[in-house]
Amino acid sequence: MTVHERAEALKKELAEMGITTDAELQQALERTRIDISMFVRKPEEAERKEETA
């Protein structure tokens, strides 16, 4: 499948989900975005744990 064919297939899938404009796509991405910061150790926390070990 060429890049163009893949782009057209993705465009069709998005249209089936009701997403037909860039603005609608951006809204959908914003609604599904999660904050992963609570799952990732901050660099300074990792360094402190290494120093105390």
N, C-alpha and C. Protein backbone atom coordinates (compact mmCIF):
# COMPACT_ATOMS: atom_id res chain seq x y z
N MET A 1 0.85 -1.17 0.00
CA MET A 1 0.00 0.00 0.00
C MET A 1 0.90 1.24 0.00
N THR A 2 0.65 2.13 -0.92
CA THR A 2 1.47 3.34 -0.99
C THR A 2 1.08 4.31 0.12
N VAL A 3 1.91 5.30 0.34
CA VAL A 3 1.64 6.31 1.35
C VAL A 3 0.32 7.01 1.04
N HIS A 4 0.10 7.31 -0.22
CA HIS A 4 -1.13 7.98 -0.62
C HIS A 4 -2.35 7.10 -0.34
N GLU A 5 -2.25 5.82 -0.65
CA GLU A 5 -3.35 4.90 -0.39
C GLU A 5 -3.62 4.78 1.10
N ARG A 6 -2.56 4.74 1.89
CA ARG A 6 -2.72 4.66 3.35
C ARG A 6 -3.38 5.92 3.89
N ALA A 7 -2.96 7.07 3.38
CA ALA A 7 -3.56 8.34 3.81
C ALA A 7 -5.04 8.38 3.47
N GLU A 8 -5.40 7.92 2.28
CA GLU A 8 -6.81 7.90 1.89
C GLU A 8 -7.61 6.94 2.77
N ALA A 9 -7.02 5.80 3.12
CA ALA A 9 -7.70 4.83 3.99
C ALA A 9 -7.92 5.43 5.38
N LEU A 10 -6.90 6.12 5.90
CA LEU A 10 -7.04 6.75 7.21
C LEU A 10 -8.08 7.87 7.17
N LYS A 11 -8.08 8.62 6.10
CA LYS A 11 -9.07 9.69 5.93
C LYS A 11 -10.48 9.11 5.94
N LYS A 12 -10.67 7.97 5.27
CA LYS A 12 -11.98 7.31 5.23
C LYS A 12 -12.38 6.83 6.63
N GLU A 13 -11.43 6.24 7.36
CA GLU A 13 -11.71 5.77 8.72
C GLU A 13 -12.11 6.92 9.62
N LEU A 14 -11.41 8.04 9.51
CA LEU A 14 -11.74 9.21 10.32
C LEU A 14 -13.13 9.72 9.96
N ALA A 15 -13.47 9.76 8.69
CA ALA A 15 -14.79 10.22 8.26
C ALA A 15 -15.89 9.32 8.83
N GLU A 16 -15.61 8.02 8.90
CA GLU A 16 -16.58 7.08 9.47
C GLU A 16 -16.80 7.34 10.96
N MET A 17 -15.78 7.92 11.61
CA MET A 17 -15.90 8.28 13.03
C MET A 17 -16.47 9.68 13.22
N GLY A 18 -16.80 10.34 12.11
CA GLY A 18 -17.37 11.67 12.18
C GLY A 18 -16.35 12.79 12.21
N ILE A 19 -15.11 12.47 11.90
CA ILE A 19 -14.03 13.46 11.90
C ILE A 19 -13.70 13.80 10.45
N THR A 20 -14.05 15.04 10.05
CA THR A 20 -13.84 15.40 8.65
C THR A 20 -12.96 16.63 8.48
N THR A 21 -12.63 17.32 9.58
CA THR A 21 -11.77 18.50 9.47
C THR A 21 -10.60 18.38 10.43
N ASP A 22 -9.58 19.19 10.20
CA ASP A 22 -8.43 19.21 11.11
C ASP A 22 -8.86 19.62 12.51
N ALA A 23 -9.78 20.56 12.61
CA ALA A 23 -10.25 21.03 13.92
C ALA A 23 -10.94 19.89 14.69
N GLU A 24 -11.75 19.11 14.00
CA GLU A 24 -12.42 17.98 14.64
C GLU A 24 -11.40 16.94 15.09
N LEU A 25 -10.38 16.71 14.29
CA LEU A 25 -9.33 15.77 14.65
C LEU A 25 -8.58 16.26 15.89
N GLN A 26 -8.26 17.54 15.91
CA GLN A 26 -7.55 18.11 17.07
C GLN A 26 -8.40 17.99 18.33
N GLN A 27 -9.70 18.25 18.23
CA GLN A 27 -10.60 18.13 19.38
C GLN A 27 -10.63 16.69 19.89
N ALA A 28 -10.71 15.73 18.97
CA ALA A 28 -10.73 14.31 19.36
C ALA A 28 -9.43 13.93 20.05
N LEU A 29 -8.31 14.42 19.55
CA LEU A 29 -7.02 14.12 20.18
C LEU A 29 -6.94 14.74 21.58
N GLU A 30 -7.42 15.96 21.74
CA GLU A 30 -7.39 16.63 23.04
C GLU A 30 -8.27 15.89 24.04
N ARG A 31 -9.44 15.42 23.60
CA ARG A 31 -10.35 14.71 24.51
C ARG A 31 -9.76 13.39 24.99
N THR A 32 -8.93 12.76 24.16
CA THR A 32 -8.40 11.45 24.53
C THR A 32 -6.99 11.51 25.11
N ARG A 33 -6.41 12.70 25.18
CA ARG A 33 -5.05 12.86 25.71
C ARG A 33 -5.07 12.64 27.22
N ILE A 34 -4.09 11.93 27.72
CA ILE A 34 -3.96 11.74 29.16
C ILE A 34 -2.63 12.30 29.63
N ASP A 35 -2.59 12.66 30.88
CA ASP A 35 -1.37 13.18 31.48
C ASP A 35 -0.60 11.98 32.05
N ILE A 36 0.56 11.69 31.48
CA ILE A 36 1.32 10.52 31.92
C ILE A 36 2.32 10.86 33.02
N SER A 37 2.37 12.11 33.44
CA SER A 37 3.39 12.52 34.40
C SER A 37 3.31 11.74 35.71
N MET A 38 2.11 11.31 36.09
CA MET A 38 2.00 10.56 37.34
C MET A 38 2.57 9.15 37.22
N PHE A 39 2.82 8.69 36.00
CA PHE A 39 3.35 7.35 35.78
C PHE A 39 4.85 7.33 35.54
N VAL A 40 5.46 8.50 35.43
CA VAL A 40 6.87 8.60 35.08
C VAL A 40 7.63 9.28 36.22
N ARG A 41 8.74 8.69 36.61
CA ARG A 41 9.56 9.31 37.66
C ARG A 41 10.27 10.53 37.12
N LYS A 42 10.28 11.56 37.91
CA LYS A 42 11.01 12.77 37.53
C LYS A 42 12.50 12.48 37.67
N PRO A 43 13.34 13.06 36.81
CA PRO A 43 14.78 12.77 36.86
C PRO A 43 15.39 13.01 38.24
N GLU A 44 15.00 14.08 38.92
CA GLU A 44 15.59 14.35 40.24
C GLU A 44 15.19 13.30 41.27
N GLU A 45 13.99 12.72 41.15
CA GLU A 45 13.57 11.66 42.06
C GLU A 45 14.40 10.40 41.83
N ALA A 46 14.66 10.08 40.60
CA ALA A 46 15.45 8.89 40.27
C ALA A 46 16.88 9.04 40.77
N GLU A 47 17.45 10.24 40.64
CA GLU A 47 18.80 10.47 41.13
C GLU A 47 18.88 10.36 42.63
N ARG A 48 17.87 10.88 43.35
CA ARG A 48 17.86 10.79 44.82
C ARG A 48 17.78 9.35 45.27
N LYS A 49 16.97 8.54 44.60
CA LYS A 49 16.84 7.14 44.99
C LYS A 49 18.15 6.39 44.75
N GLU A 50 18.87 6.74 43.69
CA GLU A 50 20.16 6.09 43.41
C GLU A 50 21.19 6.48 44.46
N GLU A 51 21.16 7.74 44.93
CA GLU A 51 22.12 8.19 45.92
C GLU A 51 21.90 7.51 47.27
N THR A 52 20.64 7.24 47.63
CA THR A 52 20.35 6.63 48.91
C THR A 52 20.53 5.13 48.90
N ALA A 53 20.63 4.53 47.74
CA ALA A 53 20.77 3.07 47.63
C ALA A 53 22.18 2.61 47.90
